[in-house]
Amino acid sequence: MKRLFSIILLLLVSISFLTAQNTDNEETPDDYYEGISYKANGAGDQYIKIALMGMFPLNFGDKLSTGGAAEIGYHRFVSEYFALGFDVQFGYNPTIGSNMFTYVPMTFTGTFQPYIGNFEFPLTFGIGAALESYLNRNYFPGLILKGQAGFFYRVAESWSFGVESEYMYMPQWYADHKEWNDYGLFLSAGLIARYHF
């Protein structure tokens, strides 16, 4: 997990460095950006999303404890209000036996994002597949459906920060062992940084 956080931090620093390299060398007055309201996204605008989340199991009773997840995603606007993208997440939840249930959902997403000034309110639906692992049993591809709602503030033209909550449904269906069939419901709450370009 520490390696994942280090990679994410390195990615953020690299993006910031590249952005600084591409800016003009002309000096800008200190008060130039005061009071600027960043305009809505347009077709072709893109962003990279990085998230750290707490994962709360909803239907396992006391079998699973609260866990965590990290997510990275790429999204591209096809109009002022609508974006398509792809997210990859790594999540985990400890079990009562001190074991670990891990999952790697990969989802294609559609996002509707209304805005008011610098405040953005993305509503996202995603569908995809997940690799799930517990003890010696792996399950792939597992269907995953998720819905997200968030609240962001655009602090600069290239950056927005906010919070997001996610509802995730992950069923497991076995053709040969129907008694193993199960489904997972999870709720997340996370802090998200988005780099816009």
C-alpha atoms as a PDB file:
ATOM      1  CA  MET A   1       0.000   0.000   0.000  1.00  0.00           C
ATOM      2  CA  LYS A   2       2.912   2.367   0.767  1.00  0.00           C
ATOM      3  CA  ARG A   3       4.254   1.788  -2.740  1.00  0.00           C
ATOM      4  CA  LEU A   4       0.870   2.730  -4.241  1.00  0.00           C
ATOM      5  CA  PHE A   5       0.800   5.983  -2.259  1.00  0.00           C
ATOM      6  CA  SER A   6       4.399   6.731  -3.339  1.00  0.00           C
ATOM      7  CA  ILE A   7       3.506   6.173  -6.997  1.00  0.00           C
ATOM      8  CA  ILE A   8       0.466   8.463  -6.712  1.00  0.00           C
ATOM      9  CA  LEU A   9       2.545  11.171  -5.027  1.00  0.00           C
ATOM     10  CA  LEU A  10       5.242  10.871  -7.720  1.00  0.00           C
ATOM     11  CA  LEU A  11       2.566  11.149 -10.429  1.00  0.00           C
ATOM     12  CA  LEU A  12       1.173  14.344  -8.868  1.00  0.00           C
ATOM     13  CA  VAL A  13       4.623  15.933  -8.584  1.00  0.00           C
ATOM     14  CA  SER A  14       5.452  15.001 -12.195  1.00  0.00           C
ATOM     15  CA  ILE A  15       2.211  16.484 -13.504  1.00  0.00           C
ATOM     16  CA  SER A  16       2.795  19.700 -11.546  1.00  0.00           C
ATOM     17  CA  PHE A  17       6.362  19.925 -12.886  1.00  0.00           C
ATOM     18  CA  LEU A  18       5.258  19.418 -16.495  1.00  0.00           C
ATOM     19  CA  THR A  19       2.520  22.018 -16.104  1.00  0.00           C
ATOM     20  CA  ALA A  20       5.026  24.534 -14.728  1.00  0.00           C
ATOM     21  CA  GLN A  21       7.400  23.844 -17.667  1.00  0.00           C
ATOM     22  CA  ASN A  22       4.662  24.594 -20.205  1.00  0.00           C
ATOM     23  CA  THR A  23       3.655  27.988 -18.812  1.00  0.00           C
ATOM     24  CA  ASP A  24       4.865  31.193 -20.446  1.00  0.00           C
ATOM     25  CA  ASN A  25       7.831  32.994 -18.923  1.00  0.00           C
ATOM     26  CA  GLU A  26       6.007  36.324 -18.898  1.00  0.00           C
ATOM     27  CA  GLU A  27       5.352  37.674 -15.422  1.00  0.00           C
ATOM     28  CA  THR A  28       1.746  37.859 -14.316  1.00  0.00           C
ATOM     29  CA  PRO A  29       0.580  40.466 -11.803  1.00  0.00           C
ATOM     30  CA  ASP A  30      -0.133  39.041  -8.351  1.00  0.00           C
ATOM     31  CA  ASP A  31      -3.786  40.074  -8.463  1.00  0.00           C
ATOM     32  CA  TYR A  32      -4.447  38.727 -11.992  1.00  0.00           C
ATOM     33  CA  TYR A  33      -6.235  35.551 -10.835  1.00  0.00           C
ATOM     34  CA  GLU A  34      -8.262  37.155  -8.041  1.00  0.00           C
ATOM     35  CA  GLY A  35     -11.980  36.872  -8.636  1.00  0.00           C
ATOM     36  CA  ILE A  36     -11.655  34.642 -11.703  1.00  0.00           C
ATOM     37  CA  SER A  37     -14.405  32.060 -12.050  1.00  0.00           C
ATOM     38  CA  TYR A  38     -13.149  29.137 -14.125  1.00  0.00           C
ATOM     39  CA  LYS A  39     -15.416  28.339 -17.020  1.00  0.00           C
ATOM     40  CA  ALA A  40     -17.147  25.036 -17.477  1.00  0.00           C
ATOM     41  CA  ASN A  41     -15.425  22.188 -19.243  1.00  0.00           C
ATOM     42  CA  GLY A  42     -15.924  21.799 -22.947  1.00  0.00           C
ATOM     43  CA  ALA A  43     -15.744  18.909 -25.382  1.00  0.00           C
ATOM     44  CA  GLY A  44     -12.196  17.553 -25.430  1.00  0.00           C
ATOM     45  CA  ASP A  45     -11.252  18.715 -21.926  1.00  0.00           C
ATOM     46  CA  GLN A  46      -9.780  15.930 -19.793  1.00  0.00           C
ATOM     47  CA  TYR A  47      -8.871  15.182 -16.213  1.00  0.00           C
ATOM     48  CA  ILE A  48      -6.993  12.616 -14.160  1.00  0.00           C
ATOM     49  CA  LYS A  49      -8.591  11.690 -10.854  1.00  0.00           C
ATOM     50  CA  ILE A  50      -6.740  10.366  -7.809  1.00  0.00           C
ATOM     51  CA  ALA A  51      -8.729   9.225  -4.765  1.00  0.00           C
ATOM     52  CA  LEU A  52      -8.155   7.777  -1.299  1.00  0.00           C
ATOM     53  CA  MET A  53     -11.262   6.257   0.289  1.00  0.00           C
ATOM     54  CA  GLY A  54     -12.597   4.448   3.298  1.00  0.00           C
ATOM     55  CA  MET A  55     -14.581   1.322   2.310  1.00  0.00           C
ATOM     56  CA  PHE A  56     -17.566   0.296   4.444  1.00  0.00           C
ATOM     57  CA  PRO A  57     -19.143  -3.165   3.857  1.00  0.00           C
ATOM     58  CA  LEU A  58     -22.944  -3.036   4.040  1.00  0.00           C
ATOM     59  CA  ASN A  59     -24.123  -6.650   3.934  1.00  0.00           C
ATOM     60  CA  PHE A  60     -21.530  -8.834   5.660  1.00  0.00           C
ATOM     61  CA  GLY A  61     -22.567  -8.320   9.269  1.00  0.00           C
ATOM     62  CA  ASP A  62     -19.466  -8.617  11.421  1.00  0.00           C
ATOM     63  CA  LYS A  63     -17.533 -10.755   8.882  1.00  0.00           C
ATOM     64  CA  LEU A  64     -15.779  -7.801   7.202  1.00  0.00           C
ATOM     65  CA  SER A  65     -14.333  -4.702   8.837  1.00  0.00           C
ATOM     66  CA  THR A  66     -13.925  -1.214   7.439  1.00  0.00           C
ATOM     67  CA  GLY A  67     -11.164  -1.083   4.848  1.00  0.00           C
ATOM     68  CA  GLY A  68      -9.693   1.332   2.366  1.00  0.00           C
ATOM     69  CA  ALA A  69      -9.136   1.922  -1.319  1.00  0.00           C
ATOM     70  CA  ALA A  70      -7.092   3.993  -3.739  1.00  0.00           C
ATOM     71  CA  GLU A  71      -8.322   4.876  -7.205  1.00  0.00           C
ATOM     72  CA  ILE A  72      -6.927   6.488 -10.329  1.00  0.00           C
ATOM     73  CA  GLY A  73      -8.967   7.388 -13.379  1.00  0.00           C
ATOM     74  CA  TYR A  74      -8.907   9.176 -16.712  1.00  0.00           C
ATOM     75  CA  HIS A  75     -11.950  11.086 -17.983  1.00  0.00           C
ATOM     76  CA  ARG A  76     -12.679  13.127 -21.117  1.00  0.00           C
ATOM     77  CA  PHE A  77     -15.574  15.520 -21.646  1.00  0.00           C
ATOM     78  CA  VAL A  78     -17.681  14.950 -24.747  1.00  0.00           C
ATOM     79  CA  SER A  79     -19.806  18.027 -24.004  1.00  0.00           C
ATOM     80  CA  GLU A  80     -19.959  20.788 -21.397  1.00  0.00           C
ATOM     81  CA  TYR A  81     -21.773  18.557 -18.898  1.00  0.00           C
ATOM     82  CA  PHE A  82     -20.932  14.953 -19.824  1.00  0.00           C
ATOM     83  CA  ALA A  83     -17.660  12.969 -19.608  1.00  0.00           C
ATOM     84  CA  LEU A  84     -16.651   9.378 -20.359  1.00  0.00           C
ATOM     85  CA  GLY A  85     -13.778   7.650 -18.609  1.00  0.00           C
ATOM     86  CA  PHE A  86     -12.106   4.657 -17.020  1.00  0.00           C
ATOM     87  CA  ASP A  87     -11.262   4.042 -13.337  1.00  0.00           C
ATOM     88  CA  VAL A  88      -9.013   1.449 -11.698  1.00  0.00           C
ATOM     89  CA  GLN A  89      -9.277   0.898  -7.957  1.00  0.00           C
ATOM     90  CA  PHE A  90      -7.483  -1.225  -5.391  1.00  0.00           C
ATOM     91  CA  GLY A  91      -9.548  -1.972  -2.275  1.00  0.00           C
ATOM     92  CA  TYR A  92      -9.277  -4.141   0.788  1.00  0.00           C
ATOM     93  CA  ASN A  93     -11.325  -5.117   3.838  1.00  0.00           C
ATOM     94  CA  PRO A  94      -9.990  -7.135   6.806  1.00  0.00           C
ATOM     95  CA  THR A  95     -12.015 -10.157   7.951  1.00  0.00           C
ATOM     96  CA  ILE A  96     -12.791 -11.352  11.473  1.00  0.00           C
ATOM     97  CA  GLY A  97     -10.135 -14.050  11.085  1.00  0.00           C
ATOM     98  CA  SER A  98      -7.423 -11.445  10.435  1.00  0.00           C
ATOM     99  CA  ASN A  99      -7.399 -12.319   6.745  1.00  0.00           C
ATOM    100  CA  MET A 100      -7.819  -9.890   3.883  1.00  0.00           C
ATOM    101  CA  PHE A 101     -10.457  -9.593   1.170  1.00  0.00           C
ATOM    102  CA  THR A 102      -8.965  -7.617  -1.741  1.00  0.00           C
ATOM    103  CA  TYR A 103     -10.512  -6.428  -4.979  1.00  0.00           C
ATOM    104  CA  VAL A 104      -9.421  -4.524  -8.073  1.00  0.00           C
ATOM    105  CA  PRO A 105     -12.447  -3.050  -9.887  1.00  0.00           C
ATOM    106  CA  MET A 106     -11.927  -1.694 -13.420  1.00  0.00           C
ATOM    107  CA  THR A 107     -14.880   0.338 -14.664  1.00  0.00           C
ATOM    108  CA  PHE A 108     -15.967   2.337 -17.677  1.00  0.00           C
ATOM    109  CA  THR A 109     -17.813   5.420 -16.462  1.00  0.00           C
ATOM    110  CA  GLY A 110     -20.201   8.100 -17.613  1.00  0.00           C
ATOM    111  CA  THR A 111     -20.305  11.343 -15.641  1.00  0.00           C
ATOM    112  CA  PHE A 112     -22.887  14.133 -15.649  1.00  0.00           C
ATOM    113  CA  GLN A 113     -21.371  17.229 -14.030  1.00  0.00           C
ATOM    114  CA  PRO A 114     -23.434  20.355 -13.397  1.00  0.00           C
ATOM    115  CA  TYR A 115     -21.622  23.345 -11.922  1.00  0.00           C
ATOM    116  CA  ILE A 116     -22.187  26.696 -10.240  1.00  0.00           C
ATOM    117  CA  GLY A 117     -19.218  29.027 -10.598  1.00  0.00           C
ATOM    118  CA  ASN A 118     -16.162  27.145  -9.327  1.00  0.00           C
ATOM    119  CA  PHE A 119     -18.276  24.447  -7.619  1.00  0.00           C
ATOM    120  CA  GLU A 120     -18.727  21.179  -9.545  1.00  0.00           C
ATOM    121  CA  PHE A 121     -21.133  18.339  -8.699  1.00  0.00           C
ATOM    122  CA  PRO A 122     -20.274  15.148 -10.649  1.00  0.00           C
ATOM    123  CA  LEU A 123     -22.757  12.247 -10.734  1.00  0.00           C
ATOM    124  CA  THR A 124     -21.155   9.086 -12.130  1.00  0.00           C
ATOM    125  CA  PHE A 125     -22.306   5.597 -13.105  1.00  0.00           C
ATOM    126  CA  GLY A 126     -19.763   2.854 -13.806  1.00  0.00           C
ATOM    127  CA  ILE A 127     -19.849  -0.719 -15.077  1.00  0.00           C
ATOM    128  CA  GLY A 128     -16.985  -3.144 -15.442  1.00  0.00           C
ATOM    129  CA  ALA A 129     -15.161  -6.134 -14.043  1.00  0.00           C
ATOM    130  CA  ALA A 130     -13.325  -6.841 -10.796  1.00  0.00           C
ATOM    131  CA  LEU A 131     -10.606  -9.213  -9.719  1.00  0.00           C
ATOM    132  CA  GLU A 132     -11.520 -10.428  -6.225  1.00  0.00           C
ATOM    133  CA  SER A 133      -9.309 -12.447  -3.908  1.00  0.00           C
ATOM    134  CA  TYR A 134      -9.802 -14.067  -0.510  1.00  0.00           C
ATOM    135  CA  LEU A 135      -7.454 -16.694   0.971  1.00  0.00           C
ATOM    136  CA  ASN A 136      -6.627 -19.022  -1.936  1.00  0.00           C
ATOM    137  CA  ARG A 137      -9.750 -18.281  -3.962  1.00  0.00           C
ATOM    138  CA  ASN A 138      -9.659 -15.763  -6.831  1.00  0.00           C
ATOM    139  CA  TYR A 139     -12.699 -14.634  -8.759  1.00  0.00           C
ATOM    140  CA  PHE A 140     -12.456 -12.967 -12.181  1.00  0.00           C
ATOM    141  CA  PRO A 141     -14.165 -11.473 -14.021  1.00  0.00           C
ATOM    142  CA  GLY A 142     -16.664 -10.321 -11.437  1.00  0.00           C
ATOM    143  CA  LEU A 143     -19.332  -7.850 -12.497  1.00  0.00           C
ATOM    144  CA  ILE A 144     -19.171  -4.482 -10.795  1.00  0.00           C
ATOM    145  CA  LEU A 145     -21.726  -1.681 -10.824  1.00  0.00           C
ATOM    146  CA  LYS A 146     -21.117   1.591  -9.042  1.00  0.00           C
ATOM    147  CA  GLY A 147     -22.733   4.977  -8.575  1.00  0.00           C
ATOM    148  CA  GLN A 148     -20.865   8.043  -7.318  1.00  0.00           C
ATOM    149  CA  ALA A 149     -21.804  11.546  -6.215  1.00  0.00           C
ATOM    150  CA  GLY A 150     -19.302  14.257  -5.401  1.00  0.00           C
ATOM    151  CA  PHE A 151     -18.683  17.873  -4.533  1.00  0.00           C
ATOM    152  CA  PHE A 152     -15.604  19.690  -5.902  1.00  0.00           C
ATOM    153  CA  TYR A 153     -14.128  23.157  -5.870  1.00  0.00           C
ATOM    154  CA  ARG A 154     -11.953  24.320  -8.791  1.00  0.00           C
ATOM    155  CA  VAL A 155      -9.089  26.043  -6.987  1.00  0.00           C
ATOM    156  CA  ALA A 156      -7.192  26.741 -10.222  1.00  0.00           C
ATOM    157  CA  GLU A 157      -7.728  26.134 -13.894  1.00  0.00           C
ATOM    158  CA  SER A 158      -5.813  22.854 -13.671  1.00  0.00           C
ATOM    159  CA  TRP A 159      -6.827  21.574 -10.226  1.00  0.00           C
ATOM    160  CA  SER A 160     -10.004  20.750  -8.344  1.00  0.00           C
ATOM    161  CA  PHE A 161     -10.327  19.101  -4.943  1.00  0.00           C
ATOM    162  CA  GLY A 162     -13.322  17.588  -3.239  1.00  0.00           C
ATOM    163  CA  VAL A 163     -15.121  14.687  -1.635  1.00  0.00           C
ATOM    164  CA  GLU A 164     -17.004  11.812  -3.213  1.00  0.00           C
ATOM    165  CA  SER A 165     -19.131   8.921  -2.044  1.00  0.00           C
ATOM    166  CA  GLU A 166     -19.568   5.649  -3.928  1.00  0.00           C
ATOM    167  CA  TYR A 167     -22.066   2.805  -3.762  1.00  0.00           C
ATOM    168  CA  MET A 168     -20.614  -0.416  -5.204  1.00  0.00           C
ATOM    169  CA  TYR A 169     -22.287  -3.739  -6.062  1.00  0.00           C
ATOM    170  CA  MET A 170     -20.021  -6.792  -6.670  1.00  0.00           C
ATOM    171  CA  PRO A 171     -21.780 -10.151  -7.174  1.00  0.00           C
ATOM    172  CA  GLN A 172     -20.057 -13.539  -7.407  1.00  0.00           C
ATOM    173  CA  TRP A 173     -21.812 -16.200  -9.456  1.00  0.00           C
ATOM    174  CA  TYR A 174     -20.546 -19.794  -9.686  1.00  0.00           C
ATOM    175  CA  ALA A 175     -22.029 -22.139 -12.311  1.00  0.00           C
ATOM    176  CA  ASP A 176     -20.675 -25.330 -10.676  1.00  0.00           C
ATOM    177  CA  HIS A 177     -21.050 -24.293  -7.014  1.00  0.00           C
ATOM    178  CA  LYS A 178     -24.218 -22.253  -6.673  1.00  0.00           C
ATOM    179  CA  GLU A 179     -23.927 -22.493  -2.894  1.00  0.00           C
ATOM    180  CA  TRP A 180     -20.916 -20.161  -3.170  1.00  0.00           C
ATOM    181  CA  ASN A 181     -22.953 -17.443  -4.921  1.00  0.00           C
ATOM    182  CA  ASP A 182     -22.767 -14.173  -3.024  1.00  0.00           C
ATOM    183  CA  TYR A 183     -22.754 -10.432  -3.554  1.00  0.00           C
ATOM    184  CA  GLY A 184     -21.005  -7.530  -1.896  1.00  0.00           C
ATOM    185  CA  LEU A 185     -22.417  -4.093  -1.205  1.00  0.00           C
ATOM    186  CA  PHE A 186     -19.956  -1.373  -0.241  1.00  0.00           C
ATOM    187  CA  LEU A 187     -20.197   2.316   0.537  1.00  0.00           C
ATOM    188  CA  SER A 188     -17.156   4.558   0.316  1.00  0.00           C
ATOM    189  CA  ALA A 189     -16.253   8.092   1.317  1.00  0.00           C
ATOM    190  CA  GLY A 190     -13.104   9.663  -0.054  1.00  0.00           C
ATOM    191  CA  LEU A 191     -10.900  12.668  -0.710  1.00  0.00           C
ATOM    192  CA  ILE A 192     -10.178  13.317  -4.363  1.00  0.00           C
ATOM    193  CA  ALA A 193      -7.765  15.455  -6.370  1.00  0.00           C
ATOM    194  CA  ARG A 194      -8.392  16.071 -10.065  1.00  0.00           C
ATOM    195  CA  TYR A 195      -5.863  17.430 -12.554  1.00  0.00           C
ATOM    196  CA  HIS A 196      -7.572  19.123 -15.529  1.00  0.00           C
ATOM    197  CA  PHE A 197      -5.906  19.580 -18.905  1.00  0.00           C
END
